[in-house]
């Protein structure tokens, strides 16, 4: 047994990605941000679909086509494979805890 909120870092110099589960067609990650954003250059362009939910905090996801989605605690979105996107903002004052499910 584990808890999604256990072992949250007190300080977070860089965004933290933790793989929780991996199976043949699915991967589940806990991502923790605090003011972190995607690298300035490039976009995420994944071969898998990605379903994400914000469990705490807030973040903004920008898509290459200009669409922007702001996610707060409890909000989720499904990102189809090869939908180029990046995180352009996460709350700098509190930890943003994301749960990301990658699936084919």
PDB file of N, CA and C in Angstrom:
ATOM      1  N   UNK A   1       0.836  -1.176   0.000  1.00  0.00           N
ATOM      2  CA  UNK A   1       0.000   0.000   0.000  1.00  0.00           C
ATOM      3  C   UNK A   1       0.884   1.244   0.000  1.00  0.00           C
ATOM      4  N   UNK A   2       0.406   2.283  -0.627  1.00  0.00           N
ATOM      5  CA  UNK A   2       1.128   3.552  -0.669  1.00  0.00           C
ATOM      6  C   UNK A   2       0.112   4.682  -0.660  1.00  0.00           C
ATOM      7  N   UNK A   3       0.602   5.899  -0.485  1.00  0.00           N
ATOM      8  CA  UNK A   3      -0.259   7.075  -0.472  1.00  0.00           C
ATOM      9  C   UNK A   3       0.319   8.098  -1.437  1.00  0.00           C
ATOM     10  N   UNK A   4      -0.509   8.634  -2.326  1.00  0.00           N
ATOM     11  CA  UNK A   4      -0.059   9.570  -3.360  1.00  0.00           C
ATOM     12  C   UNK A   4       0.546  10.831  -2.755  1.00  0.00           C
ATOM     13  N   UNK A   5       0.171  11.159  -1.519  1.00  0.00           N
ATOM     14  CA  UNK A   5       0.668  12.363  -0.865  1.00  0.00           C
ATOM     15  C   UNK A   5       1.847  12.096   0.071  1.00  0.00           C
ATOM     16  N   UNK A   6       2.301  10.859   0.150  1.00  0.00           N
ATOM     17  CA  UNK A   6       3.407  10.555   1.048  1.00  0.00           C
ATOM     18  C   UNK A   6       4.727  11.011   0.439  1.00  0.00           C
ATOM     19  N   UNK A   7       5.643  11.340   1.311  1.00  0.00           N
ATOM     20  CA  UNK A   7       6.997  11.720   0.928  1.00  0.00           C
ATOM     21  C   UNK A   7       7.042  12.882  -0.057  1.00  0.00           C
ATOM     22  N   UNK A   8       6.179  13.866   0.142  1.00  0.00           N
ATOM     23  CA  UNK A   8       6.257  15.068  -0.680  1.00  0.00           C
ATOM     24  C   UNK A   8       7.487  15.862  -0.247  1.00  0.00           C
ATOM     25  N   UNK A   9       8.255  16.354  -1.195  1.00  0.00           N
ATOM     26  CA  UNK A   9       9.489  17.047  -0.832  1.00  0.00           C
ATOM     27  C   UNK A   9       9.208  18.394  -0.163  1.00  0.00           C
ATOM     28  N   UNK A  10      10.067  18.767   0.776  1.00  0.00           N
ATOM     29  CA  UNK A  10       9.953  20.072   1.417  1.00  0.00           C
ATOM     30  C   UNK A  10      10.507  21.160   0.503  1.00  0.00           C
ATOM     31  N   UNK A  11      11.565  20.832  -0.218  1.00  0.00           N
ATOM     32  CA  UNK A  11      12.164  21.733  -1.207  1.00  0.00           C
ATOM     33  C   UNK A  11      12.178  21.013  -2.535  1.00  0.00           C
ATOM     34  N   UNK A  12      12.017  21.759  -3.598  1.00  0.00           N
ATOM     35  CA  UNK A  12      11.933  21.136  -4.918  1.00  0.00           C
ATOM     36  C   UNK A  12      12.685  21.997  -5.922  1.00  0.00           C
ATOM     37  N   UNK A  13      13.954  21.648  -6.144  1.00  0.00           N
ATOM     38  CA  UNK A  13      14.769  22.430  -7.066  1.00  0.00           C
ATOM     39  C   UNK A  13      14.396  22.175  -8.521  1.00  0.00           C
ATOM     40  N   UNK A  14      14.046  20.937  -8.844  1.00  0.00           N
ATOM     41  CA  UNK A  14      13.600  20.626 -10.198  1.00  0.00           C
ATOM     42  C   UNK A  14      12.353  19.753 -10.113  1.00  0.00           C
ATOM     43  N   UNK A  15      11.587  19.759 -11.186  1.00  0.00           N
ATOM     44  CA  UNK A  15      10.351  18.989 -11.223  1.00  0.00           C
ATOM     45  C   UNK A  15      10.671  17.512 -10.974  1.00  0.00           C
ATOM     46  N   UNK A  16       9.786  16.846 -10.248  1.00  0.00           N
ATOM     47  CA  UNK A  16      10.017  15.458  -9.849  1.00  0.00           C
ATOM     48  C   UNK A  16       9.041  14.539 -10.578  1.00  0.00           C
ATOM     49  N   UNK A  17       9.581  13.534 -11.282  1.00  0.00           N
ATOM     50  CA  UNK A  17       8.794  12.534 -11.993  1.00  0.00           C
ATOM     51  C   UNK A  17       9.039  11.189 -11.330  1.00  0.00           C
ATOM     52  N   UNK A  18       7.960  10.539 -10.869  1.00  0.00           N
ATOM     53  CA  UNK A  18       8.089   9.245 -10.202  1.00  0.00           C
ATOM     54  C   UNK A  18       7.157   8.234 -10.860  1.00  0.00           C
ATOM     55  N   UNK A  19       7.726   7.192 -11.393  1.00  0.00           N
ATOM     56  CA  UNK A  19       6.911   6.133 -11.984  1.00  0.00           C
ATOM     57  C   UNK A  19       6.332   5.277 -10.860  1.00  0.00           C
ATOM     58  N   UNK A  20       5.003   5.132 -10.852  1.00  0.00           N
ATOM     59  CA  UNK A  20       4.325   4.356  -9.809  1.00  0.00           C
ATOM     60  C   UNK A  20       3.985   2.950 -10.280  1.00  0.00           C
ATOM     61  N   UNK A  21       3.586   2.844 -11.548  1.00  0.00           N
ATOM     62  CA  UNK A  21       3.167   1.546 -12.110  1.00  0.00           C
ATOM     63  C   UNK A  21       3.573   1.509 -13.577  1.00  0.00           C
ATOM     64  N   UNK A  22       4.012   0.333 -14.020  1.00  0.00           N
ATOM     65  CA  UNK A  22       4.271   0.119 -15.437  1.00  0.00           C
ATOM     66  C   UNK A  22       3.771  -1.270 -15.800  1.00  0.00           C
ATOM     67  N   UNK A  23       2.997  -1.332 -16.869  1.00  0.00           N
ATOM     68  CA  UNK A  23       2.515  -2.605 -17.419  1.00  0.00           C
ATOM     69  C   UNK A  23       2.645  -2.509 -18.937  1.00  0.00           C
ATOM     70  N   UNK A  24       2.173  -3.521 -19.626  1.00  0.00           N
ATOM     71  CA  UNK A  24       2.380  -3.579 -21.075  1.00  0.00           C
ATOM     72  C   UNK A  24       1.848  -2.345 -21.806  1.00  0.00           C
ATOM     73  N   UNK A  25       0.648  -1.913 -21.504  1.00  0.00           N
ATOM     74  CA  UNK A  25       0.032  -0.812 -22.241  1.00  0.00           C
ATOM     75  C   UNK A  25      -0.283   0.408 -21.395  1.00  0.00           C
ATOM     76  N   UNK A  26       0.295   0.492 -20.193  1.00  0.00           N
ATOM     77  CA  UNK A  26      -0.008   1.621 -19.310  1.00  0.00           C
ATOM     78  C   UNK A  26       1.198   1.939 -18.419  1.00  0.00           C
ATOM     79  N   UNK A  27       1.343   3.228 -18.149  1.00  0.00           N
ATOM     80  CA  UNK A  27       2.369   3.700 -17.225  1.00  0.00           C
ATOM     81  C   UNK A  27       1.732   4.816 -16.414  1.00  0.00           C
ATOM     82  N   UNK A  28       1.918   4.795 -15.098  1.00  0.00           N
ATOM     83  CA  UNK A  28       1.338   5.802 -14.219  1.00  0.00           C
ATOM     84  C   UNK A  28       2.471   6.513 -13.487  1.00  0.00           C
ATOM     85  N   UNK A  29       2.432   7.846 -13.536  1.00  0.00           N
ATOM     86  CA  UNK A  29       3.461   8.657 -12.892  1.00  0.00           C
ATOM     87  C   UNK A  29       2.843   9.670 -11.938  1.00  0.00           C
ATOM     88  N   UNK A  30       3.564   9.945 -10.869  1.00  0.00           N
ATOM     89  CA  UNK A  30       3.266  11.100 -10.029  1.00  0.00           C
ATOM     90  C   UNK A  30       4.298  12.160 -10.404  1.00  0.00           C
ATOM     91  N   UNK A  31       3.809  13.349 -10.703  1.00  0.00           N
ATOM     92  CA  UNK A  31       4.677  14.456 -11.067  1.00  0.00           C
ATOM     93  C   UNK A  31       4.441  15.570 -10.048  1.00  0.00           C
ATOM     94  N   UNK A  32       5.528  16.125  -9.539  1.00  0.00           N
ATOM     95  CA  UNK A  32       5.418  17.192  -8.547  1.00  0.00           C
ATOM     96  C   UNK A  32       6.157  18.418  -9.076  1.00  0.00           C
ATOM     97  N   UNK A  33       5.442  19.533  -9.104  1.00  0.00           N
ATOM     98  CA  UNK A  33       5.979  20.796  -9.616  1.00  0.00           C
ATOM     99  C   UNK A  33       5.768  21.891  -8.576  1.00  0.00           C
ATOM    100  N   UNK A  34       6.592  22.902  -8.650  1.00  0.00           N
ATOM    101  CA  UNK A  34       6.390  24.107  -7.832  1.00  0.00           C
ATOM    102  C   UNK A  34       7.028  25.264  -8.588  1.00  0.00           C
ATOM    103  N   UNK A  35       6.239  25.853  -9.476  1.00  0.00           N
ATOM    104  CA  UNK A  35       6.751  26.918 -10.314  1.00  0.00           C
ATOM    105  C   UNK A  35       7.526  26.416 -11.525  1.00  0.00           C
ATOM    106  N   UNK A  36       7.571  25.107 -11.720  1.00  0.00           N
ATOM    107  CA  UNK A  36       8.317  24.532 -12.841  1.00  0.00           C
ATOM    108  C   UNK A  36       7.491  24.549 -14.116  1.00  0.00           C
ATOM    109  N   UNK A  37       8.178  24.638 -15.241  1.00  0.00           N
ATOM    110  CA  UNK A  37       7.526  24.593 -16.550  1.00  0.00           C
ATOM    111  C   UNK A  37       8.324  23.649 -17.451  1.00  0.00           C
ATOM    112  N   UNK A  38       7.753  23.345 -18.608  1.00  0.00           N
ATOM    113  CA  UNK A  38       8.464  22.525 -19.589  1.00  0.00           C
ATOM    114  C   UNK A  38       9.673  23.290 -20.106  1.00  0.00           C
ATOM    115  N   UNK A  39      10.659  22.571 -20.649  1.00  0.00           N
ATOM    116  CA  UNK A  39      11.799  23.268 -21.249  1.00  0.00           C
ATOM    117  C   UNK A  39      11.327  24.275 -22.301  1.00  0.00           C
ATOM    118  N   UNK A  40      12.021  25.412 -22.379  1.00  0.00           N
ATOM    119  CA  UNK A  40      11.650  26.497 -23.288  1.00  0.00           C
ATOM    120  C   UNK A  40      11.579  26.016 -24.741  1.00  0.00           C
ATOM    121  N   UNK A  41      12.531  25.218 -25.141  1.00  0.00           N
ATOM    122  CA  UNK A  41      12.593  24.719 -26.514  1.00  0.00           C
ATOM    123  C   UNK A  41      11.855  23.391 -26.628  1.00  0.00           C
ATOM    124  N   UNK A  42      11.075  23.238 -27.682  1.00  0.00           N
ATOM    125  CA  UNK A  42      10.448  21.955 -27.979  1.00  0.00           C
ATOM    126  C   UNK A  42       9.114  21.738 -27.297  1.00  0.00           C
ATOM    127  N   UNK A  43       8.490  20.648 -27.694  1.00  0.00           N
ATOM    128  CA  UNK A  43       7.170  20.255 -27.217  1.00  0.00           C
ATOM    129  C   UNK A  43       7.216  18.790 -26.813  1.00  0.00           C
ATOM    130  N   UNK A  44       6.350  18.404 -25.870  1.00  0.00           N
ATOM    131  CA  UNK A  44       6.140  16.974 -25.636  1.00  0.00           C
ATOM    132  C   UNK A  44       5.365  16.448 -26.835  1.00  0.00           C
ATOM    133  N   UNK A  45       5.835  15.371 -27.426  1.00  0.00           N
ATOM    134  CA  UNK A  45       5.191  14.735 -28.584  1.00  0.00           C
ATOM    135  C   UNK A  45       5.294  13.237 -28.340  1.00  0.00           C
ATOM    136  N   UNK A  46       4.331  12.704 -27.613  1.00  0.00           N
ATOM    137  CA  UNK A  46       4.409  11.336 -27.100  1.00  0.00           C
ATOM    138  C   UNK A  46       3.680  10.349 -28.003  1.00  0.00           C
ATOM    139  N   UNK A  47       4.184   9.126 -28.029  1.00  0.00           N
ATOM    140  CA  UNK A  47       3.520   8.077 -28.811  1.00  0.00           C
ATOM    141  C   UNK A  47       2.325   7.504 -28.057  1.00  0.00           C
ATOM    142  N   UNK A  48       2.253   7.785 -26.754  1.00  0.00           N
ATOM    143  CA  UNK A  48       1.148   7.299 -25.934  1.00  0.00           C
ATOM    144  C   UNK A  48       0.118   8.415 -25.735  1.00  0.00           C
ATOM    145  N   UNK A  49      -1.116   8.031 -25.442  1.00  0.00           N
ATOM    146  CA  UNK A  49      -2.118   8.971 -24.953  1.00  0.00           C
ATOM    147  C   UNK A  49      -1.748   9.285 -23.506  1.00  0.00           C
ATOM    148  N   UNK A  50      -2.151  10.467 -23.022  1.00  0.00           N
ATOM    149  CA  UNK A  50      -1.847  10.844 -21.647  1.00  0.00           C
ATOM    150  C   UNK A  50      -3.084  11.449 -20.996  1.00  0.00           C
ATOM    151  N   UNK A  51      -3.521  10.825 -19.912  1.00  0.00           N
ATOM    152  CA  UNK A  51      -4.623  11.358 -19.107  1.00  0.00           C
ATOM    153  C   UNK A  51      -3.979  11.910 -17.850  1.00  0.00           C
ATOM    154  N   UNK A  52      -4.244  13.204 -17.550  1.00  0.00           N
ATOM    155  CA  UNK A  52      -3.649  13.800 -16.353  1.00  0.00           C
ATOM    156  C   UNK A  52      -4.728  14.452 -15.498  1.00  0.00           C
ATOM    157  N   UNK A  53      -4.500  14.403 -14.194  1.00  0.00           N
ATOM    158  CA  UNK A  53      -5.362  15.075 -13.231  1.00  0.00           C
ATOM    159  C   UNK A  53      -4.463  15.823 -12.255  1.00  0.00           C
ATOM    160  N   UNK A  54      -4.902  17.007 -11.863  1.00  0.00           N
ATOM    161  CA  UNK A  54      -4.204  17.768 -10.836  1.00  0.00           C
ATOM    162  C   UNK A  54      -4.843  17.408  -9.498  1.00  0.00           C
ATOM    163  N   UNK A  55      -4.039  16.842  -8.617  1.00  0.00           N
ATOM    164  CA  UNK A  55      -4.531  16.439  -7.300  1.00  0.00           C
ATOM    165  C   UNK A  55      -4.387  17.558  -6.277  1.00  0.00           C
ATOM    166  N   UNK A  56      -3.454  18.453  -6.507  1.00  0.00           N
ATOM    167  CA  UNK A  56      -3.221  19.617  -5.650  1.00  0.00           C
ATOM    168  C   UNK A  56      -2.493  20.665  -6.476  1.00  0.00           C
ATOM    169  N   UNK A  57      -2.731  21.933  -6.176  1.00  0.00           N
ATOM    170  CA  UNK A  57      -2.052  22.999  -6.902  1.00  0.00           C
ATOM    171  C   UNK A  57      -2.769  23.360  -8.186  1.00  0.00           C
ATOM    172  N   UNK A  58      -1.995  23.842  -9.168  1.00  0.00           N
ATOM    173  CA  UNK A  58      -2.570  24.271 -10.438  1.00  0.00           C
ATOM    174  C   UNK A  58      -1.478  24.325 -11.496  1.00  0.00           C
ATOM    175  N   UNK A  59      -1.891  24.201 -12.758  1.00  0.00           N
ATOM    176  CA  UNK A  59      -0.946  24.278 -13.861  1.00  0.00           C
ATOM    177  C   UNK A  59      -1.653  24.666 -15.151  1.00  0.00           C
ATOM    178  N   UNK A  60      -0.874  25.102 -16.124  1.00  0.00           N
ATOM    179  CA  UNK A  60      -1.392  25.480 -17.432  1.00  0.00           C
ATOM    180  C   UNK A  60      -0.685  24.646 -18.485  1.00  0.00           C
ATOM    181  N   UNK A  61      -1.484  24.026 -19.369  1.00  0.00           N
ATOM    182  CA  UNK A  61      -0.960  23.237 -20.481  1.00  0.00           C
ATOM    183  C   UNK A  61      -1.277  23.990 -21.771  1.00  0.00           C
ATOM    184  N   UNK A  62      -0.245  24.233 -22.563  1.00  0.00           N
ATOM    185  CA  UNK A  62      -0.381  24.909 -23.845  1.00  0.00           C
ATOM    186  C   UNK A  62      -0.182  23.888 -24.957  1.00  0.00           C
ATOM    187  N   UNK A  63      -1.067  23.920 -25.950  1.00  0.00           N
ATOM    188  CA  UNK A  63      -0.949  23.039 -27.099  1.00  0.00           C
ATOM    189  C   UNK A  63      -0.362  23.817 -28.266  1.00  0.00           C
ATOM    190  N   UNK A  64       0.292  23.110 -29.164  1.00  0.00           N
ATOM    191  CA  UNK A  64       0.962  23.745 -30.295  1.00  0.00           C
ATOM    192  C   UNK A  64      -0.007  24.577 -31.142  1.00  0.00           C
ATOM    193  N   UNK A  65      -1.282  24.177 -31.183  1.00  0.00           N
ATOM    194  CA  UNK A  65      -2.268  24.921 -31.975  1.00  0.00           C
ATOM    195  C   UNK A  65      -2.739  26.209 -31.282  1.00  0.00           C
ATOM    196  N   UNK A  66      -2.182  26.510 -30.099  1.00  0.00           N
ATOM    197  CA  UNK A  66      -2.532  27.728 -29.377  1.00  0.00           C
ATOM    198  C   UNK A  66      -3.561  27.540 -28.282  1.00  0.00           C
ATOM    199  N   UNK A  67      -4.225  26.402 -28.250  1.00  0.00           N
ATOM    200  CA  UNK A  67      -5.188  26.135 -27.180  1.00  0.00           C
ATOM    201  C   UNK A  67      -4.443  26.045 -25.848  1.00  0.00           C
ATOM    202  N   UNK A  68      -5.060  26.605 -24.815  1.00  0.00           N
ATOM    203  CA  UNK A  68      -4.453  26.609 -23.491  1.00  0.00           C
ATOM    204  C   UNK A  68      -5.490  26.136 -22.481  1.00  0.00           C
ATOM    205  N   UNK A  69      -5.072  25.242 -21.592  1.00  0.00           N
ATOM    206  CA  UNK A  69      -5.974  24.682 -20.590  1.00  0.00           C
ATOM    207  C   UNK A  69      -5.374  24.932 -19.206  1.00  0.00           C
ATOM    208  N   UNK A  70      -6.157  25.575 -18.339  1.00  0.00           N
ATOM    209  CA  UNK A  70      -5.749  25.782 -16.951  1.00  0.00           C
ATOM    210  C   UNK A  70      -6.408  24.707 -16.105  1.00  0.00           C
ATOM    211  N   UNK A  71      -5.585  24.011 -15.342  1.00  0.00           N
ATOM    212  CA  UNK A  71      -6.068  22.917 -14.499  1.00  0.00           C
ATOM    213  C   UNK A  71      -5.855  23.271 -13.035  1.00  0.00           C
ATOM    214  N   UNK A  72      -6.914  23.128 -12.248  1.00  0.00           N
ATOM    215  CA  UNK A  72      -6.858  23.309 -10.799  1.00  0.00           C
ATOM    216  C   UNK A  72      -7.133  21.961 -10.138  1.00  0.00           C
ATOM    217  N   UNK A  73      -7.028  21.928  -8.847  1.00  0.00           N
ATOM    218  CA  UNK A  73      -7.269  20.710  -8.074  1.00  0.00           C
ATOM    219  C   UNK A  73      -8.557  20.030  -8.542  1.00  0.00           C
ATOM    220  N   UNK A  74      -8.434  18.772  -8.953  1.00  0.00           N
ATOM    221  CA  UNK A  74      -9.581  17.981  -9.397  1.00  0.00           C
ATOM    222  C   UNK A  74      -9.822  18.007 -10.891  1.00  0.00           C
ATOM    223  N   UNK A  75      -9.198  18.950 -11.615  1.00  0.00           N
ATOM    224  CA  UNK A  75      -9.393  19.028 -13.066  1.00  0.00           C
ATOM    225  C   UNK A  75      -8.531  17.983 -13.762  1.00  0.00           C
ATOM    226  N   UNK A  76      -9.080  17.424 -14.844  1.00  0.00           N
ATOM    227  CA  UNK A  76      -8.311  16.455 -15.628  1.00  0.00           C
ATOM    228  C   UNK A  76      -8.537  16.693 -17.107  1.00  0.00           C
ATOM    229  N   UNK A  77      -7.620  16.140 -17.899  1.00  0.00           N
ATOM    230  CA  UNK A  77      -7.670  16.279 -19.347  1.00  0.00           C
ATOM    231  C   UNK A  77      -7.046  15.033 -19.970  1.00  0.00           C
ATOM    232  N   UNK A  78      -7.536  14.675 -21.133  1.00  0.00           N
ATOM    233  CA  UNK A  78      -6.952  13.580 -21.908  1.00  0.00           C
ATOM    234  C   UNK A  78      -6.220  14.194 -23.098  1.00  0.00           C
ATOM    235  N   UNK A  79      -4.960  13.850 -23.247  1.00  0.00           N
ATOM    236  CA  UNK A  79      -4.149  14.367 -24.342  1.00  0.00           C
ATOM    237  C   UNK A  79      -3.855  13.216 -25.297  1.00  0.00           C
ATOM    238  N   UNK A  80      -4.388  13.269 -26.519  1.00  0.00           N
ATOM    239  CA  UNK A  80      -4.143  12.184 -27.472  1.00  0.00           C
ATOM    240  C   UNK A  80      -2.661  12.098 -27.846  1.00  0.00           C
ATOM    241  N   UNK A  81      -2.244  10.927 -28.277  1.00  0.00           N
ATOM    242  CA  UNK A  81      -0.865  10.753 -28.711  1.00  0.00           C
ATOM    243  C   UNK A  81      -0.549  11.765 -29.813  1.00  0.00           C
ATOM    244  N   UNK A  82       0.667  12.233 -29.800  1.00  0.00           N
ATOM    245  CA  UNK A  82       1.208  13.188 -30.772  1.00  0.00           C
ATOM    246  C   UNK A  82       0.534  14.565 -30.744  1.00  0.00           C
ATOM    247  N   UNK A  83      -0.280  14.864 -29.725  1.00  0.00           N
ATOM    248  CA  UNK A  83      -0.788  16.225 -29.544  1.00  0.00           C
ATOM    249  C   UNK A  83       0.326  16.996 -28.847  1.00  0.00           C
ATOM    250  N   UNK A  84       1.030  17.800 -29.600  1.00  0.00           N
ATOM    251  CA  UNK A  84       2.202  18.498 -29.072  1.00  0.00           C
ATOM    252  C   UNK A  84       1.758  19.539 -28.037  1.00  0.00           C
ATOM    253  N   UNK A  85       2.403  19.469 -26.850  1.00  0.00           N
ATOM    254  CA  UNK A  85       1.998  20.307 -25.727  1.00  0.00           C
ATOM    255  C   UNK A  85       3.175  20.568 -24.803  1.00  0.00           C
ATOM    256  N   UNK A  86       2.977  21.545 -23.893  1.00  0.00           N
ATOM    257  CA  UNK A  86       3.970  21.824 -22.860  1.00  0.00           C
ATOM    258  C   UNK A  86       3.271  22.476 -21.679  1.00  0.00           C
ATOM    259  N   UNK A  87       3.903  22.392 -20.525  1.00  0.00           N
ATOM    260  CA  UNK A  87       3.401  23.062 -19.320  1.00  0.00           C
ATOM    261  C   UNK A  87       4.060  24.435 -19.270  1.00  0.00           C
ATOM    262  N   UNK A  88       3.228  25.495 -19.269  1.00  0.00           N
ATOM    263  CA  UNK A  88       3.761  26.863 -19.298  1.00  0.00           C
ATOM    264  C   UNK A  88       3.704  27.556 -17.941  1.00  0.00           C
ATOM    265  N   UNK A  89       3.021  26.957 -16.963  1.00  0.00           N
ATOM    266  CA  UNK A  89       2.941  27.560 -15.631  1.00  0.00           C
ATOM    267  C   UNK A  89       2.503  26.510 -14.632  1.00  0.00           C
ATOM    268  N   UNK A  90       3.125  26.508 -13.470  1.00  0.00           N
ATOM    269  CA  UNK A  90       2.611  25.789 -12.297  1.00  0.00           C
ATOM    270  C   UNK A  90       2.723  26.753 -11.120  1.00  0.00           C
ATOM    271  N   UNK A  91       1.867  26.567 -10.149  1.00  0.00           N
ATOM    272  CA  UNK A  91       1.800  27.464  -9.002  1.00  0.00           C
ATOM    273  C   UNK A  91       3.166  27.528  -8.308  1.00  0.00           C
ATOM    274  N   UNK A  92       3.733  28.724  -8.182  1.00  0.00           N
ATOM    275  CA  UNK A  92       5.040  28.840  -7.528  1.00  0.00           C
ATOM    276  C   UNK A  92       4.970  28.817  -6.005  1.00  0.00           C
ATOM    277  N   UNK A  93       3.761  28.917  -5.451  1.00  0.00           N
ATOM    278  CA  UNK A  93       3.619  29.025  -3.996  1.00  0.00           C
ATOM    279  C   UNK A  93       3.294  27.715  -3.297  1.00  0.00           C
ATOM    280  N   UNK A  94       2.748  26.761  -4.034  1.00  0.00           N
ATOM    281  CA  UNK A  94       2.391  25.461  -3.441  1.00  0.00           C
ATOM    282  C   UNK A  94       2.819  24.347  -4.393  1.00  0.00           C
ATOM    283  N   UNK A  95       2.961  23.159  -3.859  1.00  0.00           N
ATOM    284  CA  UNK A  95       3.268  22.007  -4.709  1.00  0.00           C
ATOM    285  C   UNK A  95       2.073  21.694  -5.591  1.00  0.00           C
ATOM    286  N   UNK A  96       2.339  21.456  -6.860  1.00  0.00           N
ATOM    287  CA  UNK A  96       1.318  20.933  -7.755  1.00  0.00           C
ATOM    288  C   UNK A  96       1.601  19.446  -7.908  1.00  0.00           C
ATOM    289  N   UNK A  97       0.626  18.632  -7.539  1.00  0.00           N
ATOM    290  CA  UNK A  97       0.755  17.181  -7.629  1.00  0.00           C
ATOM    291  C   UNK A  97      -0.123  16.713  -8.779  1.00  0.00           C
ATOM    292  N   UNK A  98       0.515  16.151  -9.794  1.00  0.00           N
ATOM    293  CA  UNK A  98      -0.166  15.626 -10.974  1.00  0.00           C
ATOM    294  C   UNK A  98      -0.149  14.106 -10.911  1.00  0.00           C
ATOM    295  N   UNK A  99      -1.185  13.486 -11.432  1.00  0.00           N
ATOM    296  CA  UNK A  99      -1.177  12.045 -11.673  1.00  0.00           C
ATOM    297  C   UNK A  99      -1.345  11.900 -13.179  1.00  0.00           C
ATOM    298  N   UNK A 100      -0.385  11.261 -13.821  1.00  0.00           N
ATOM    299  CA  UNK A 100      -0.401  11.101 -15.270  1.00  0.00           C
ATOM    300  C   UNK A 100      -0.479   9.625 -15.610  1.00  0.00           C
ATOM    301  N   UNK A 101      -1.441   9.284 -16.454  1.00  0.00           N
ATOM    302  CA  UNK A 101      -1.605   7.902 -16.917  1.00  0.00           C
ATOM    303  C   UNK A 101      -1.347   7.896 -18.407  1.00  0.00           C
ATOM    304  N   UNK A 102      -0.295   7.203 -18.822  1.00  0.00           N
ATOM    305  CA  UNK A 102       0.071   7.069 -20.222  1.00  0.00           C
ATOM    306  C   UNK A 102      -0.418   5.706 -20.691  1.00  0.00           C
ATOM    307  N   UNK A 103      -1.127   5.686 -21.821  1.00  0.00           N
ATOM    308  CA  UNK A 103      -1.688   4.419 -22.291  1.00  0.00           C
ATOM    309  C   UNK A 103      -1.705   4.395 -23.817  1.00  0.00           C
ATOM    310  N   UNK A 104      -1.697   3.156 -24.355  1.00  0.00           N
ATOM    311  CA  UNK A 104      -1.760   3.035 -25.822  1.00  0.00           C
ATOM    312  C   UNK A 104      -3.143   2.581 -26.246  1.00  0.00           C
TER     313      UNK A 104
END
